[in-house]
Amino acid sequence: MHFVVSWEINSKDNYSEEINSSLMEGLRGYSWLRLLRTFYILEVEHEHDWHVIHEKLLTIAQRYPGEVNFLMSPLYDLDSDYFVYKMPDSNFYQAQ
């Protein structure tokens, strides 16, 4: 199963890198493909994993009120034909 997660950071106090690192930590242990700077397609084994990641990211976002927004798509089982104009040159895939 797969789902999309993406976020936007608007830190007034220059916590952007700290917030981004924390959000990335929330994805640790899962395989992902990064197609845009903060747009990830994650692969999970079970529906429960979606909820675990949701809770992790929500907890992180609540530590930085007003500075981070994120979205998570519903789970999907089928392969998807995303059109990507230009794949990143490096660090675009993390297998777990």
N, C-alpha and C. Protein backbone atom coordinates (compact mmCIF):
# COMPACT_ATOMS: atom_id res chain seq x y z
N MET A 1 0.85 -1.18 0.00
CA MET A 1 0.00 0.00 0.00
C MET A 1 0.89 1.24 0.00
N HIS A 2 0.35 2.32 -0.53
CA HIS A 2 1.08 3.57 -0.62
C HIS A 2 0.18 4.73 -0.20
N PHE A 3 0.82 5.84 0.13
CA PHE A 3 0.10 7.09 0.31
C PHE A 3 1.07 8.24 0.13
N VAL A 4 0.52 9.41 -0.10
CA VAL A 4 1.31 10.63 -0.29
C VAL A 4 1.31 11.41 1.00
N VAL A 5 2.46 11.98 1.34
CA VAL A 5 2.55 12.93 2.44
C VAL A 5 3.40 14.10 1.95
N SER A 6 2.96 15.29 2.32
CA SER A 6 3.69 16.50 1.94
C SER A 6 3.51 17.52 3.03
N TRP A 7 4.47 18.44 3.14
CA TRP A 7 4.35 19.48 4.15
C TRP A 7 4.92 20.79 3.66
N GLU A 8 4.51 21.83 4.36
CA GLU A 8 4.99 23.19 4.11
C GLU A 8 5.38 23.79 5.45
N ILE A 9 6.56 24.36 5.49
CA ILE A 9 7.07 24.95 6.73
C ILE A 9 7.17 26.45 6.54
N ASN A 10 6.57 27.19 7.47
CA ASN A 10 6.61 28.66 7.47
C ASN A 10 7.08 29.12 8.84
N SER A 11 8.36 28.94 9.09
CA SER A 11 8.91 29.27 10.40
C SER A 11 9.37 30.72 10.46
N LYS A 12 8.82 31.43 11.41
CA LYS A 12 9.22 32.82 11.60
C LYS A 12 10.53 32.93 12.38
N ASP A 13 10.86 31.90 13.13
CA ASP A 13 12.05 31.92 13.97
C ASP A 13 13.18 31.06 13.42
N ASN A 14 13.17 30.81 12.12
CA ASN A 14 14.22 30.03 11.47
C ASN A 14 14.39 28.63 12.05
N TYR A 15 13.28 27.99 12.37
CA TYR A 15 13.31 26.60 12.81
C TYR A 15 13.05 25.65 11.65
N SER A 16 13.11 26.14 10.44
CA SER A 16 12.73 25.34 9.27
C SER A 16 13.49 24.03 9.20
N GLU A 17 14.79 24.07 9.35
CA GLU A 17 15.59 22.84 9.25
C GLU A 17 15.28 21.89 10.40
N GLU A 18 15.09 22.43 11.59
CA GLU A 18 14.73 21.60 12.75
C GLU A 18 13.38 20.93 12.54
N ILE A 19 12.42 21.68 12.03
CA ILE A 19 11.09 21.14 11.78
C ILE A 19 11.16 20.07 10.70
N ASN A 20 11.85 20.36 9.60
CA ASN A 20 11.97 19.40 8.52
C ASN A 20 12.64 18.11 9.00
N SER A 21 13.70 18.23 9.78
CA SER A 21 14.38 17.06 10.32
C SER A 21 13.46 16.24 11.21
N SER A 22 12.66 16.92 12.00
CA SER A 22 11.71 16.23 12.87
C SER A 22 10.66 15.48 12.06
N LEU A 23 10.15 16.11 11.01
CA LEU A 23 9.17 15.46 10.16
C LEU A 23 9.78 14.25 9.44
N MET A 24 11.00 14.40 8.99
CA MET A 24 11.69 13.27 8.35
C MET A 24 11.88 12.12 9.34
N GLU A 25 12.15 12.46 10.57
CA GLU A 25 12.28 11.44 11.61
C GLU A 25 10.97 10.67 11.76
N GLY A 26 9.86 11.34 11.56
CA GLY A 26 8.55 10.69 11.62
C GLY A 26 8.34 9.66 10.52
N LEU A 27 9.13 9.75 9.45
CA LEU A 27 9.04 8.80 8.35
C LEU A 27 10.04 7.66 8.47
N ARG A 28 10.90 7.74 9.47
CA ARG A 28 11.95 6.73 9.62
C ARG A 28 11.33 5.33 9.76
N GLY A 29 11.96 4.39 9.08
CA GLY A 29 11.49 3.01 9.14
C GLY A 29 10.57 2.63 7.99
N TYR A 30 10.26 3.61 7.13
CA TYR A 30 9.38 3.35 6.00
C TYR A 30 10.11 3.70 4.70
N SER A 31 9.80 2.97 3.65
CA SER A 31 10.36 3.27 2.33
C SER A 31 9.59 4.43 1.73
N TRP A 32 10.32 5.33 1.06
CA TRP A 32 9.66 6.46 0.44
C TRP A 32 10.37 6.86 -0.84
N LEU A 33 9.63 7.58 -1.66
CA LEU A 33 10.13 8.17 -2.88
C LEU A 33 9.81 9.65 -2.80
N ARG A 34 10.83 10.50 -2.94
CA ARG A 34 10.61 11.95 -2.89
C ARG A 34 10.66 12.50 -4.30
N LEU A 35 9.52 13.01 -4.76
CA LEU A 35 9.43 13.52 -6.12
C LEU A 35 9.60 15.03 -6.18
N LEU A 36 9.24 15.72 -5.12
CA LEU A 36 9.45 17.16 -4.98
C LEU A 36 10.08 17.38 -3.61
N ARG A 37 10.49 18.57 -3.33
CA ARG A 37 11.25 18.87 -2.11
C ARG A 37 10.61 18.30 -0.84
N THR A 38 9.32 18.44 -0.69
CA THR A 38 8.64 17.89 0.49
C THR A 38 7.38 17.12 0.10
N PHE A 39 7.49 16.34 -0.94
CA PHE A 39 6.38 15.52 -1.44
C PHE A 39 6.88 14.09 -1.51
N TYR A 40 6.33 13.23 -0.67
CA TYR A 40 6.80 11.86 -0.54
C TYR A 40 5.68 10.87 -0.84
N ILE A 41 6.03 9.78 -1.49
CA ILE A 41 5.14 8.64 -1.62
C ILE A 41 5.74 7.56 -0.72
N LEU A 42 4.98 7.17 0.28
CA LEU A 42 5.45 6.16 1.23
C LEU A 42 4.83 4.81 0.93
N GLU A 43 5.60 3.78 1.21
CA GLU A 43 5.12 2.41 1.10
C GLU A 43 4.97 1.86 2.51
N VAL A 44 3.80 1.32 2.80
CA VAL A 44 3.53 0.75 4.12
C VAL A 44 2.93 -0.65 3.95
N GLU A 45 3.10 -1.45 4.97
CA GLU A 45 2.58 -2.82 4.95
C GLU A 45 1.11 -2.90 5.35
N HIS A 46 0.72 -2.08 6.33
CA HIS A 46 -0.60 -2.20 6.93
C HIS A 46 -1.26 -0.82 7.07
N GLU A 47 -2.56 -0.81 7.12
CA GLU A 47 -3.30 0.43 7.33
C GLU A 47 -2.88 1.11 8.64
N HIS A 48 -2.55 0.30 9.63
CA HIS A 48 -2.13 0.82 10.93
C HIS A 48 -0.92 1.76 10.79
N ASP A 49 -0.03 1.47 9.84
CA ASP A 49 1.15 2.31 9.63
C ASP A 49 0.76 3.74 9.27
N TRP A 50 -0.29 3.90 8.46
CA TRP A 50 -0.77 5.23 8.10
C TRP A 50 -1.12 6.00 9.37
N HIS A 51 -1.82 5.35 10.29
CA HIS A 51 -2.24 6.00 11.53
C HIS A 51 -1.04 6.33 12.42
N VAL A 52 -0.06 5.45 12.45
CA VAL A 52 1.15 5.69 13.25
C VAL A 52 1.87 6.92 12.72
N ILE A 53 2.06 6.99 11.41
CA ILE A 53 2.73 8.15 10.81
C ILE A 53 1.92 9.42 11.03
N HIS A 54 0.61 9.33 10.86
CA HIS A 54 -0.26 10.48 11.10
C HIS A 54 -0.06 11.03 12.51
N GLU A 55 -0.07 10.17 13.49
CA GLU A 55 0.11 10.61 14.89
C GLU A 55 1.49 11.22 15.11
N LYS A 56 2.52 10.64 14.52
CA LYS A 56 3.87 11.19 14.66
C LYS A 56 3.94 12.60 14.08
N LEU A 57 3.45 12.76 12.84
CA LEU A 57 3.52 14.07 12.19
C LEU A 57 2.63 15.09 12.89
N LEU A 58 1.48 14.67 13.36
CA LEU A 58 0.60 15.58 14.09
C LEU A 58 1.25 16.06 15.38
N THR A 59 1.89 15.17 16.10
CA THR A 59 2.59 15.54 17.33
C THR A 59 3.70 16.55 17.04
N ILE A 60 4.45 16.31 15.98
CA ILE A 60 5.52 17.24 15.60
C ILE A 60 4.94 18.59 15.21
N ALA A 61 3.90 18.59 14.37
CA ALA A 61 3.29 19.85 13.93
C ALA A 61 2.75 20.65 15.12
N GLN A 62 2.21 19.98 16.11
CA GLN A 62 1.66 20.67 17.28
C GLN A 62 2.75 21.30 18.14
N ARG A 63 3.98 20.82 18.02
CA ARG A 63 5.10 21.45 18.74
C ARG A 63 5.49 22.79 18.14
N TYR A 64 5.08 23.01 16.89
CA TYR A 64 5.40 24.24 16.17
C TYR A 64 4.12 24.87 15.64
N PRO A 65 3.24 25.35 16.53
CA PRO A 65 1.95 25.87 16.07
C PRO A 65 2.10 27.01 15.07
N GLY A 66 1.36 26.90 13.98
CA GLY A 66 1.36 27.94 12.96
C GLY A 66 2.58 27.92 12.05
N GLU A 67 3.51 26.98 12.26
CA GLU A 67 4.73 26.98 11.45
C GLU A 67 4.82 25.83 10.47
N VAL A 68 3.96 24.84 10.61
CA VAL A 68 4.02 23.70 9.70
C VAL A 68 2.60 23.21 9.40
N ASN A 69 2.38 22.91 8.14
CA ASN A 69 1.15 22.27 7.69
C ASN A 69 1.55 21.01 6.93
N PHE A 70 0.75 19.97 7.04
CA PHE A 70 1.04 18.77 6.26
C PHE A 70 -0.26 18.16 5.77
N LEU A 71 -0.13 17.34 4.74
CA LEU A 71 -1.28 16.59 4.25
C LEU A 71 -0.86 15.15 4.03
N MET A 72 -1.82 14.26 4.17
CA MET A 72 -1.62 12.84 3.92
C MET A 72 -2.81 12.36 3.08
N SER A 73 -2.50 11.67 1.99
CA SER A 73 -3.57 11.12 1.16
C SER A 73 -4.11 9.85 1.81
N PRO A 74 -5.26 9.40 1.34
CA PRO A 74 -5.71 8.08 1.76
C PRO A 74 -4.76 7.01 1.20
N LEU A 75 -4.79 5.84 1.79
CA LEU A 75 -4.01 4.71 1.28
C LEU A 75 -4.55 4.26 -0.07
N TYR A 76 -3.67 3.80 -0.92
CA TYR A 76 -4.11 3.19 -2.17
C TYR A 76 -3.26 1.95 -2.44
N ASP A 77 -3.87 0.96 -3.07
CA ASP A 77 -3.21 -0.31 -3.33
C ASP A 77 -2.61 -0.42 -4.72
N LEU A 78 -3.10 0.33 -5.64
CA LEU A 78 -2.67 0.20 -7.03
C LEU A 78 -1.47 1.07 -7.33
N ASP A 79 -0.70 0.66 -8.33
CA ASP A 79 0.37 1.52 -8.81
C ASP A 79 -0.26 2.76 -9.42
N SER A 80 0.45 3.84 -9.35
CA SER A 80 -0.07 5.09 -9.87
C SER A 80 0.87 5.60 -10.95
N ASP A 81 0.32 6.26 -11.92
CA ASP A 81 1.13 6.80 -13.02
C ASP A 81 1.35 8.29 -12.81
N TYR A 82 2.10 8.64 -11.79
CA TYR A 82 2.45 10.03 -11.58
C TYR A 82 3.34 10.50 -12.72
N PHE A 83 3.06 11.67 -13.23
CA PHE A 83 3.94 12.27 -14.22
C PHE A 83 4.92 13.16 -13.44
N VAL A 84 6.19 12.94 -13.64
CA VAL A 84 7.23 13.74 -12.99
C VAL A 84 8.08 14.34 -14.09
N TYR A 85 8.11 15.64 -14.17
CA TYR A 85 8.86 16.32 -15.23
C TYR A 85 10.35 16.04 -15.13
N LYS A 86 10.90 16.16 -13.92
CA LYS A 86 12.33 15.94 -13.74
C LYS A 86 12.56 15.30 -12.38
N MET A 87 13.07 14.09 -12.39
CA MET A 87 13.39 13.42 -11.13
C MET A 87 14.58 14.11 -10.47
N PRO A 88 14.59 14.18 -9.15
CA PRO A 88 15.76 14.73 -8.47
C PRO A 88 17.01 13.91 -8.81
N ASP A 89 18.16 14.55 -8.74
CA ASP A 89 19.41 13.88 -9.08
C ASP A 89 19.88 12.91 -8.00
N SER A 90 19.56 13.20 -6.75
CA SER A 90 20.05 12.33 -5.67
C SER A 90 19.10 12.42 -4.48
N ASN A 91 19.25 11.47 -3.57
CA ASN A 91 18.48 11.42 -2.32
C ASN A 91 16.97 11.42 -2.55
N PHE A 92 16.53 10.74 -3.59
CA PHE A 92 15.10 10.72 -3.87
C PHE A 92 14.42 9.43 -3.46
N TYR A 93 15.20 8.46 -2.95
CA TYR A 93 14.60 7.18 -2.58
C TYR A 93 15.24 6.66 -1.30
N GLN A 94 14.40 6.19 -0.39
CA GLN A 94 14.87 5.58 0.86
C GLN A 94 14.15 4.27 1.04
N ALA A 95 14.89 3.17 0.97
CA ALA A 95 14.29 1.85 1.16
C ALA A 95 14.50 1.41 2.60
N GLN A 96 13.48 0.81 3.17
CA GLN A 96 13.57 0.28 4.53
C GLN A 96 13.30 -1.19 4.53
